[in-house]
Amino acid sequence: MKIIKNLFDSLRPSFEEGGKFERYYTAFEAIETFAFVPNHVTHDGAHIKDAIDLKRTMFLVIVATIPALLFGMWNTGHQHFLAVGELVGLGEGLIDKFIFGALKVMPIVIVSYGVGLGVEFAMAVYKRHSVEEGFLVSGMLIPLIMPVEVPLWMVAVATIFAVVIGKEVFGGTGMNILNPALTARAFLFFAYPTKMSGNLVWVSTESKATVDGYSGETLLAQSINSSTDYIDQAGTAYGSVSDTLMAAFMGWVPGSIGETSTLAILIGGGLLLFTGIGSWRIMLSFFLGGLSMSYLFNLWGANPFMEVNPLLQLCMGGFMFGMVFMATDPVSAAQTNMGKWIYGFLAGLLGIMIRVFNPAYPEGIMMGILFMNVMAPLIDHYVVEASINRRMKRVTVTT
């Protein structure tokens, strides 16, 4: 490490004021502070809460996504081999499935980080401010909510859109209204819907023309199109709700790369709660909102999708991933404690409602969270106003 430190020390004069590369000092500083603690401190007006800083916060969120990422790699390979009729057992070919999935997933991650950080560095150099750390998390979340068959150039375009339009136009990290990762997914869905929905985008078969009887329907699509139990890519039918629920909970079903395994997502959620980074109020209220709407639909029962078991409804699609990693975004979520309860409950409720009422797009978590991102400042405003009014009434009674 001392060699690297000496290298940075020797290069620094060229990037400081008056140096040959003065204009690019912010890029140099970002790379240096990523490897070493900054050598500048706050001189006045500091309010210390704890020892954690923004980089450590972002790093812990990335660590929390690793279980979903690793499982997504294995499941990508598992769904591929199911579709081609090879290694159909869950325990068969673990290494082969993981390697195949890694070769499919890692390019998406690399493109997301490469393009996103490139835009961040370019914006920092253009605006002459320090590179912000916000994209460290978004760069991981964007691949995890994408189908495995999404073209890499689309990932790049969506990432640019998310960074520039979803974040930078509002002032950068900490000022954005919408979750950047969900903004990227929404952009792709509305700009290139055939690459974000349908049967063929969820499972990679390399050459789909050679696969006889291939169907890449997700668990959501099967539930909305029929009342039959889940049938996997190998044609195996899950004969009971408990079997289907287990498949959805463990995650060996088609879907976006990081959204299929509820277990892996909850492991990451547990880390976020343990470290205090994720809001338990938002997670719990989000779960209760989705569960309440699912039970109401069960009572109504106007179509097969409304009759889906409430717990299965919450384990399908992106509900759990949205609950743990998207709705809890500290920037775009509500800030007050009461506001977090309202925001989370309505996001979960709307997510299930949109999912059921919109058969053309059998998922609504993205739209539910984005809508509540927009409403979060309004919720906080009324929560604060209500608190002020209560205090004013107490003052009036006392006097």
Protein backbone atom coordinates (compact mmCIF):
# COMPACT_ATOMS: atom_id res chain seq x y z
CA MET A 1 0.00 0.00 0.00
CA LYS A 2 2.92 2.34 0.66
CA ILE A 3 3.99 2.02 -2.97
CA ILE A 4 0.52 3.04 -4.14
CA LYS A 5 0.45 5.91 -1.62
CA ASN A 6 3.81 7.17 -2.91
CA LEU A 7 2.49 6.98 -6.48
CA PHE A 8 -0.50 9.18 -5.59
CA ASP A 9 1.79 11.62 -3.75
CA SER A 10 4.04 11.93 -6.80
CA LEU A 11 1.12 12.51 -9.17
CA ARG A 12 -0.77 14.97 -6.97
CA PRO A 13 1.20 18.15 -7.91
CA SER A 14 0.23 17.66 -11.57
CA PHE A 15 -3.47 17.73 -10.64
CA GLU A 16 -3.42 20.48 -8.00
CA GLU A 17 -3.94 24.18 -8.78
CA GLY A 18 -1.36 25.33 -11.30
CA GLY A 19 -0.54 21.80 -12.40
CA LYS A 20 -0.69 20.44 -15.94
CA PHE A 21 -3.90 18.47 -15.27
CA GLU A 22 -5.54 20.91 -12.87
CA ARG A 23 -8.90 20.55 -14.60
CA TYR A 24 -9.03 16.84 -13.77
CA TYR A 25 -8.27 17.16 -10.06
CA THR A 26 -11.75 15.96 -9.05
CA ALA A 27 -11.22 12.69 -10.97
CA PHE A 28 -7.81 12.20 -9.36
CA GLU A 29 -9.23 12.95 -5.92
CA ALA A 30 -12.06 10.43 -6.41
CA ILE A 31 -9.62 7.64 -7.27
CA GLU A 32 -7.30 8.54 -4.39
CA THR A 33 -10.03 8.77 -1.75
CA PHE A 34 -11.47 5.47 -2.95
CA ALA A 35 -8.19 3.82 -1.92
CA PHE A 36 -7.22 6.01 1.06
CA VAL A 37 -8.90 8.15 3.71
CA PRO A 38 -9.02 11.82 2.57
CA ASN A 39 -6.35 14.06 4.11
CA HIS A 40 -8.72 17.00 4.59
CA VAL A 41 -11.11 17.49 7.51
CA THR A 42 -14.07 19.68 8.46
CA HIS A 43 -12.94 22.75 10.40
CA ASP A 44 -16.24 24.05 11.76
CA GLY A 45 -19.94 23.29 11.89
CA ALA A 46 -19.45 19.51 12.19
CA HIS A 47 -22.19 17.36 13.69
CA ILE A 48 -20.91 13.86 14.44
CA LYS A 49 -23.49 11.07 14.63
CA ASP A 50 -21.24 8.00 14.27
CA ALA A 51 -18.03 6.83 12.60
CA ILE A 52 -19.61 5.71 9.34
CA ASP A 53 -19.29 7.86 6.23
CA LEU A 54 -21.02 7.80 2.84
CA LYS A 55 -18.48 5.47 1.22
CA ARG A 56 -18.82 2.93 4.05
CA THR A 57 -22.60 3.17 3.83
CA MET A 58 -22.53 2.50 0.09
CA PHE A 59 -20.06 -0.34 0.55
CA LEU A 60 -22.30 -2.07 3.10
CA VAL A 61 -25.30 -1.81 0.77
CA ILE A 62 -23.23 -3.41 -2.01
CA VAL A 63 -22.23 -6.21 0.40
CA ALA A 64 -25.92 -6.71 1.20
CA THR A 65 -26.68 -7.27 -2.51
CA ILE A 66 -24.01 -9.96 -2.91
CA PRO A 67 -26.26 -12.91 -1.85
CA ALA A 68 -28.86 -11.89 -4.46
CA LEU A 69 -26.12 -11.38 -7.08
CA LEU A 70 -24.48 -14.76 -6.49
CA PHE A 71 -27.81 -16.57 -6.43
CA GLY A 72 -28.84 -14.71 -9.59
CA MET A 73 -25.75 -16.02 -11.35
CA TRP A 74 -26.54 -19.61 -10.34
CA ASN A 75 -30.21 -19.26 -11.21
CA THR A 76 -29.39 -17.83 -14.63
CA GLY A 77 -27.43 -20.98 -15.37
CA HIS A 78 -30.07 -23.19 -13.75
CA GLN A 79 -32.88 -21.75 -15.90
CA HIS A 80 -30.72 -22.08 -19.01
CA PHE A 81 -30.01 -25.76 -18.45
CA LEU A 82 -33.65 -26.42 -17.58
CA ALA A 83 -34.71 -24.84 -20.87
CA VAL A 84 -32.27 -26.92 -22.92
CA GLY A 85 -33.07 -30.10 -20.99
CA GLU A 86 -29.71 -30.59 -19.28
CA LEU A 87 -28.72 -30.73 -15.58
CA VAL A 88 -32.37 -30.32 -14.58
CA GLY A 89 -31.85 -31.28 -10.91
CA LEU A 90 -31.27 -28.51 -8.41
CA GLY A 91 -28.08 -30.15 -7.19
CA GLU A 92 -26.73 -31.07 -10.60
CA GLY A 93 -23.92 -29.13 -12.22
CA LEU A 94 -23.65 -26.41 -9.58
CA ILE A 95 -20.33 -25.13 -10.92
CA ASP A 96 -21.43 -25.31 -14.56
CA LYS A 97 -24.60 -23.37 -13.80
CA PHE A 98 -22.75 -20.74 -11.80
CA ILE A 99 -20.06 -20.25 -14.45
CA PHE A 100 -22.66 -19.94 -17.22
CA GLY A 101 -24.63 -17.42 -15.15
CA ALA A 102 -21.52 -15.43 -14.21
CA LEU A 103 -20.54 -15.13 -17.88
CA LYS A 104 -24.02 -13.74 -18.59
CA VAL A 105 -24.41 -11.48 -15.57
CA MET A 106 -20.93 -9.98 -15.07
CA PRO A 107 -20.87 -8.14 -18.44
CA ILE A 108 -24.10 -6.38 -17.42
CA VAL A 109 -22.52 -5.37 -14.09
CA ILE A 110 -19.33 -4.19 -15.80
CA VAL A 111 -21.25 -2.11 -18.36
CA SER A 112 -23.41 -0.58 -15.62
CA TYR A 113 -20.44 0.46 -13.50
CA GLY A 114 -18.21 1.43 -16.42
CA VAL A 115 -20.77 3.67 -18.11
CA GLY A 116 -22.27 5.06 -14.89
CA LEU A 117 -18.97 5.95 -13.26
CA GLY A 118 -17.73 7.37 -16.57
CA VAL A 119 -20.71 9.73 -16.65
CA GLU A 120 -20.19 10.60 -12.96
CA PHE A 121 -16.52 11.45 -13.57
CA ALA A 122 -17.37 13.49 -16.67
CA MET A 123 -20.03 15.46 -14.80
CA ALA A 124 -17.66 16.07 -11.89
CA VAL A 125 -14.93 17.37 -14.20
CA TYR A 126 -17.43 19.55 -16.10
CA LYS A 127 -18.98 21.06 -12.95
CA ARG A 128 -15.66 21.21 -11.01
CA HIS A 129 -16.92 19.36 -7.94
CA SER A 130 -15.94 16.15 -6.19
CA VAL A 131 -17.13 12.84 -7.63
CA GLU A 132 -20.16 11.66 -5.66
CA GLU A 133 -20.42 8.13 -4.29
CA GLY A 134 -24.12 7.61 -4.95
CA PHE A 135 -23.62 5.50 -8.08
CA LEU A 136 -21.64 2.84 -6.20
CA VAL A 137 -24.97 1.31 -5.13
CA SER A 138 -27.00 2.18 -8.24
CA GLY A 139 -24.35 0.52 -10.39
CA MET A 140 -25.10 -2.79 -8.67
CA LEU A 141 -28.86 -2.40 -8.37
CA ILE A 142 -29.37 -1.67 -12.08
CA PRO A 143 -28.07 -5.10 -13.25
CA LEU A 144 -29.98 -6.93 -10.51
CA ILE A 145 -33.35 -5.64 -11.73
CA MET A 146 -32.66 -6.41 -15.40
CA PRO A 147 -33.62 -9.53 -17.38
CA VAL A 148 -30.57 -11.61 -18.25
CA GLU A 149 -31.21 -11.24 -22.00
CA VAL A 150 -31.22 -7.43 -22.02
CA PRO A 151 -28.69 -6.17 -24.62
CA LEU A 152 -25.61 -4.50 -23.14
CA TRP A 153 -26.08 -1.35 -25.19
CA MET A 154 -29.53 -0.94 -23.64
CA VAL A 155 -27.99 -1.24 -20.18
CA ALA A 156 -25.54 1.51 -21.13
CA VAL A 157 -28.26 3.82 -22.48
CA ALA A 158 -30.50 3.23 -19.44
CA THR A 159 -27.59 3.88 -17.08
CA ILE A 160 -26.77 7.18 -18.78
CA PHE A 161 -30.43 8.18 -18.59
CA ALA A 162 -30.60 7.26 -14.89
CA VAL A 163 -27.47 9.23 -13.96
CA VAL A 164 -28.12 12.33 -16.08
CA ILE A 165 -31.91 12.65 -16.04
CA GLY A 166 -32.69 10.75 -12.84
CA LYS A 167 -29.99 12.33 -10.68
CA GLU A 168 -27.71 15.03 -12.07
CA VAL A 169 -30.46 17.35 -13.34
CA PHE A 170 -31.78 17.53 -9.76
CA GLY A 171 -28.36 18.45 -8.35
CA GLY A 172 -26.63 15.10 -7.93
CA THR A 173 -26.48 12.58 -5.11
CA GLY A 174 -28.80 13.48 -2.25
CA MET A 175 -31.01 15.72 -4.40
CA ASN A 176 -32.70 13.23 -6.74
CA ILE A 177 -36.46 12.75 -6.47
CA LEU A 178 -36.62 9.28 -8.06
CA ASN A 179 -34.61 6.15 -7.33
CA PRO A 180 -31.92 6.08 -10.09
CA ALA A 181 -31.96 2.29 -10.52
CA LEU A 182 -35.74 2.20 -10.91
CA THR A 183 -35.48 5.15 -13.29
CA ALA A 184 -33.19 3.05 -15.49
CA ARG A 185 -35.64 0.14 -15.46
CA ALA A 186 -38.62 2.41 -16.18
CA PHE A 187 -36.76 3.99 -19.10
CA LEU A 188 -36.06 0.58 -20.65
CA PHE A 189 -39.59 -0.66 -20.06
CA PHE A 190 -41.24 2.27 -21.81
CA ALA A 191 -38.57 2.72 -24.52
CA TYR A 192 -37.96 -0.97 -25.30
CA PRO A 193 -40.89 -2.94 -23.82
CA THR A 194 -40.18 -6.12 -25.79
CA LYS A 195 -36.81 -6.44 -24.02
CA MET A 196 -38.33 -6.00 -20.56
CA SER A 197 -41.44 -8.20 -20.79
CA GLY A 198 -42.75 -11.24 -22.61
CA ASN A 199 -41.56 -14.85 -22.39
CA LEU A 200 -38.14 -14.77 -24.03
CA VAL A 201 -36.18 -12.23 -21.99
CA TRP A 202 -35.97 -14.06 -18.66
CA VAL A 203 -34.10 -17.23 -19.60
CA SER A 204 -30.90 -17.39 -21.67
CA THR A 205 -30.84 -20.37 -24.03
CA GLU A 206 -28.02 -19.13 -26.31
CA SER A 207 -29.91 -20.42 -29.39
CA LYS A 208 -33.63 -20.37 -28.74
CA ALA A 209 -34.37 -21.82 -32.18
CA THR A 210 -32.87 -25.13 -31.09
CA VAL A 211 -34.97 -25.42 -27.93
CA ASP A 212 -38.09 -27.51 -28.42
CA GLY A 213 -41.16 -26.30 -26.54
CA TYR A 214 -39.26 -23.57 -24.71
CA SER A 215 -41.34 -21.21 -22.53
CA GLY A 216 -39.74 -18.49 -20.46
CA GLU A 217 -42.77 -17.31 -18.55
CA THR A 218 -42.11 -16.02 -15.07
CA LEU A 219 -44.14 -17.14 -12.09
CA LEU A 220 -46.07 -13.85 -12.34
CA ALA A 221 -46.93 -14.43 -15.99
CA GLN A 222 -48.12 -17.97 -15.33
CA SER A 223 -50.29 -16.84 -12.43
CA ILE A 224 -51.92 -14.08 -14.44
CA ASN A 225 -52.60 -16.24 -17.50
CA SER A 226 -54.00 -19.35 -15.84
CA SER A 227 -55.02 -20.90 -12.55
CA THR A 228 -52.63 -23.84 -12.91
CA ASP A 229 -49.70 -24.42 -10.59
CA TYR A 230 -46.25 -23.25 -11.57
CA ILE A 231 -44.57 -25.29 -14.34
CA ASP A 232 -40.80 -24.84 -14.68
CA GLN A 233 -38.74 -24.80 -17.89
CA ALA A 234 -38.28 -28.58 -17.79
CA GLY A 235 -42.05 -29.10 -17.71
CA THR A 236 -42.15 -30.13 -14.05
CA ALA A 237 -45.40 -29.05 -12.38
CA TYR A 238 -45.46 -27.88 -8.77
CA GLY A 239 -48.57 -29.61 -7.50
CA SER A 240 -49.42 -27.49 -4.47
CA VAL A 241 -49.33 -23.91 -3.20
CA SER A 242 -46.69 -24.85 -0.63
CA ASP A 243 -44.40 -26.28 -3.35
CA THR A 244 -44.86 -23.19 -5.50
CA LEU A 245 -44.27 -20.93 -2.50
CA MET A 246 -41.05 -22.79 -1.72
CA ALA A 247 -39.85 -22.36 -5.31
CA ALA A 248 -40.63 -18.63 -5.15
CA PHE A 249 -39.04 -18.19 -1.72
CA MET A 250 -35.85 -20.03 -2.62
CA GLY A 251 -35.77 -18.40 -6.06
CA TRP A 252 -35.38 -21.18 -8.62
CA VAL A 253 -37.90 -19.51 -10.96
CA PRO A 254 -37.35 -17.19 -13.97
CA GLY A 255 -37.18 -13.47 -13.34
CA SER A 256 -34.84 -10.50 -13.18
CA ILE A 257 -31.28 -11.40 -12.20
CA GLY A 258 -31.39 -10.47 -8.51
CA GLU A 259 -35.12 -10.51 -7.76
CA THR A 260 -36.02 -14.21 -7.72
CA SER A 261 -34.67 -15.42 -4.35
CA THR A 262 -36.57 -14.05 -1.36
CA LEU A 263 -34.13 -15.86 0.94
CA ALA A 264 -31.05 -14.20 -0.57
CA ILE A 265 -32.76 -10.80 -0.50
CA LEU A 266 -33.75 -11.19 3.16
CA ILE A 267 -30.16 -12.10 4.07
CA GLY A 268 -29.07 -8.78 2.58
CA GLY A 269 -32.00 -7.03 4.27
CA GLY A 270 -30.92 -8.45 7.62
CA LEU A 271 -27.46 -6.91 7.15
CA LEU A 272 -29.01 -3.52 6.32
CA LEU A 273 -31.19 -3.67 9.43
CA PHE A 274 -28.34 -4.86 11.66
CA THR A 275 -26.10 -2.00 10.55
CA GLY A 276 -28.93 0.55 10.78
CA ILE A 277 -28.62 1.52 7.11
CA GLY A 278 -32.01 0.21 6.01
CA SER A 279 -35.21 1.56 7.56
CA TRP A 280 -37.16 -1.15 9.37
CA ARG A 281 -40.21 1.13 9.35
CA ILE A 282 -40.27 1.26 5.55
CA MET A 283 -39.60 -2.46 5.16
CA LEU A 284 -42.28 -3.48 7.65
CA SER A 285 -44.90 -1.04 6.38
CA PHE A 286 -44.13 -2.00 2.77
CA PHE A 287 -44.69 -5.67 3.65
CA LEU A 288 -47.92 -4.90 5.52
CA GLY A 289 -49.22 -2.77 2.64
CA GLY A 290 -48.62 -5.53 0.10
CA LEU A 291 -50.03 -8.20 2.42
CA SER A 292 -53.17 -6.16 3.12
CA MET A 293 -53.87 -5.60 -0.57
CA SER A 294 -53.24 -9.27 -1.34
CA TYR A 295 -55.76 -10.36 1.32
CA LEU A 296 -58.33 -7.88 0.00
CA PHE A 297 -57.93 -9.31 -3.49
CA ASN A 298 -58.35 -12.82 -2.05
CA LEU A 299 -61.69 -11.74 -0.60
CA TRP A 300 -62.74 -10.23 -3.92
CA GLY A 301 -61.49 -13.10 -6.09
CA ALA A 302 -62.68 -11.73 -9.43
CA ASN A 303 -59.89 -13.45 -11.41
CA PRO A 304 -57.24 -16.17 -10.81
CA PHE A 305 -54.48 -13.64 -10.11
CA MET A 306 -56.52 -12.11 -7.28
CA GLU A 307 -56.82 -15.55 -5.73
CA VAL A 308 -53.07 -16.11 -5.47
CA ASN A 309 -51.96 -16.97 -1.93
CA PRO A 310 -50.95 -13.65 -0.25
CA LEU A 311 -47.52 -14.94 0.85
CA LEU A 312 -46.89 -16.29 -2.64
CA GLN A 313 -47.96 -12.94 -4.07
CA LEU A 314 -45.27 -11.21 -2.00
CA CYS A 315 -42.56 -13.73 -2.90
CA MET A 316 -43.20 -13.38 -6.64
CA GLY A 317 -41.62 -10.81 -8.90
CA GLY A 318 -39.75 -7.84 -7.50
CA PHE A 319 -41.77 -7.25 -4.32
CA MET A 320 -39.13 -8.35 -1.82
CA PHE A 321 -36.26 -6.76 -3.74
CA GLY A 322 -38.20 -3.52 -3.93
CA MET A 323 -39.00 -3.68 -0.23
CA VAL A 324 -35.38 -4.19 0.87
CA PHE A 325 -33.28 -2.25 -1.64
CA MET A 326 -35.51 0.19 -3.53
CA ALA A 327 -38.16 1.57 -1.20
CA THR A 328 -35.53 2.13 1.54
CA ASP A 329 -33.41 4.47 -0.58
CA PRO A 330 -32.69 7.22 2.00
CA VAL A 331 -32.75 9.98 -0.61
CA SER A 332 -35.99 9.30 -2.49
CA ALA A 333 -37.95 7.86 0.47
CA ALA A 334 -39.80 9.78 3.17
CA GLN A 335 -37.58 11.26 5.90
CA THR A 336 -39.88 11.55 8.93
CA ASN A 337 -40.68 8.47 11.04
CA MET A 338 -44.43 8.74 10.52
CA GLY A 339 -43.84 9.56 6.86
CA LYS A 340 -41.86 6.33 6.47
CA TRP A 341 -44.82 4.29 7.75
CA ILE A 342 -47.20 6.00 5.31
CA TYR A 343 -44.76 5.91 2.39
CA GLY A 344 -43.88 2.24 2.82
CA PHE A 345 -47.46 1.06 3.33
CA LEU A 346 -48.77 2.88 0.26
CA ALA A 347 -45.81 1.76 -1.89
CA GLY A 348 -46.46 -1.90 -1.05
CA LEU A 349 -50.21 -1.50 -1.48
CA LEU A 350 -49.91 0.26 -4.85
CA GLY A 351 -47.31 -2.22 -6.07
CA ILE A 352 -49.68 -5.17 -5.64
CA MET A 353 -52.64 -3.17 -6.97
CA ILE A 354 -50.85 -2.19 -10.19
CA ARG A 355 -49.54 -5.74 -10.60
CA VAL A 356 -53.04 -7.23 -10.46
CA PHE A 357 -54.97 -4.55 -12.35
CA ASN A 358 -52.52 -4.25 -15.25
CA PRO A 359 -52.36 -7.64 -17.03
CA ALA A 360 -50.35 -6.12 -19.89
CA TYR A 361 -47.46 -5.69 -17.45
CA PRO A 362 -47.53 -8.38 -14.75
CA GLU A 363 -45.49 -6.40 -12.24
CA GLY A 364 -46.21 -3.14 -10.42
CA ILE A 365 -43.56 -2.75 -7.73
CA MET A 366 -41.43 -0.45 -9.87
CA MET A 367 -44.32 1.88 -10.61
CA GLY A 368 -45.61 1.77 -7.01
CA ILE A 369 -42.24 2.83 -5.58
CA LEU A 370 -41.60 5.49 -8.22
CA PHE A 371 -45.03 7.01 -7.60
CA MET A 372 -44.37 7.13 -3.86
CA ASN A 373 -40.91 8.63 -4.50
CA VAL A 374 -42.73 11.59 -6.02
CA MET A 375 -45.21 11.72 -3.13
CA ALA A 376 -42.57 11.37 -0.35
CA PRO A 377 -41.86 15.14 0.04
CA LEU A 378 -45.60 15.85 0.22
CA ILE A 379 -46.06 13.17 2.87
CA ASP A 380 -43.22 14.60 4.96
CA HIS A 381 -44.67 18.11 4.57
CA TYR A 382 -48.03 17.13 6.01
CA VAL A 383 -46.45 15.03 8.75
CA VAL A 384 -44.35 18.01 9.85
CA GLU A 385 -47.34 20.37 9.60
CA ALA A 386 -49.44 18.01 11.71
CA SER A 387 -46.68 17.85 14.33
CA ILE A 388 -46.43 21.66 14.44
CA ASN A 389 -50.20 22.00 14.81
CA ARG A 390 -50.25 19.52 17.70
CA ARG A 391 -47.50 21.42 19.48
CA MET A 392 -49.21 24.76 18.90
CA LYS A 393 -52.39 23.38 20.46
CA ARG A 394 -50.44 22.24 23.52
CA VAL A 395 -48.90 25.71 23.81
CA THR A 396 -52.37 27.29 23.58
CA VAL A 397 -53.80 25.00 26.27
CA THR A 398 -50.83 25.64 28.58
CA THR A 399 -51.05 29.41 28.30
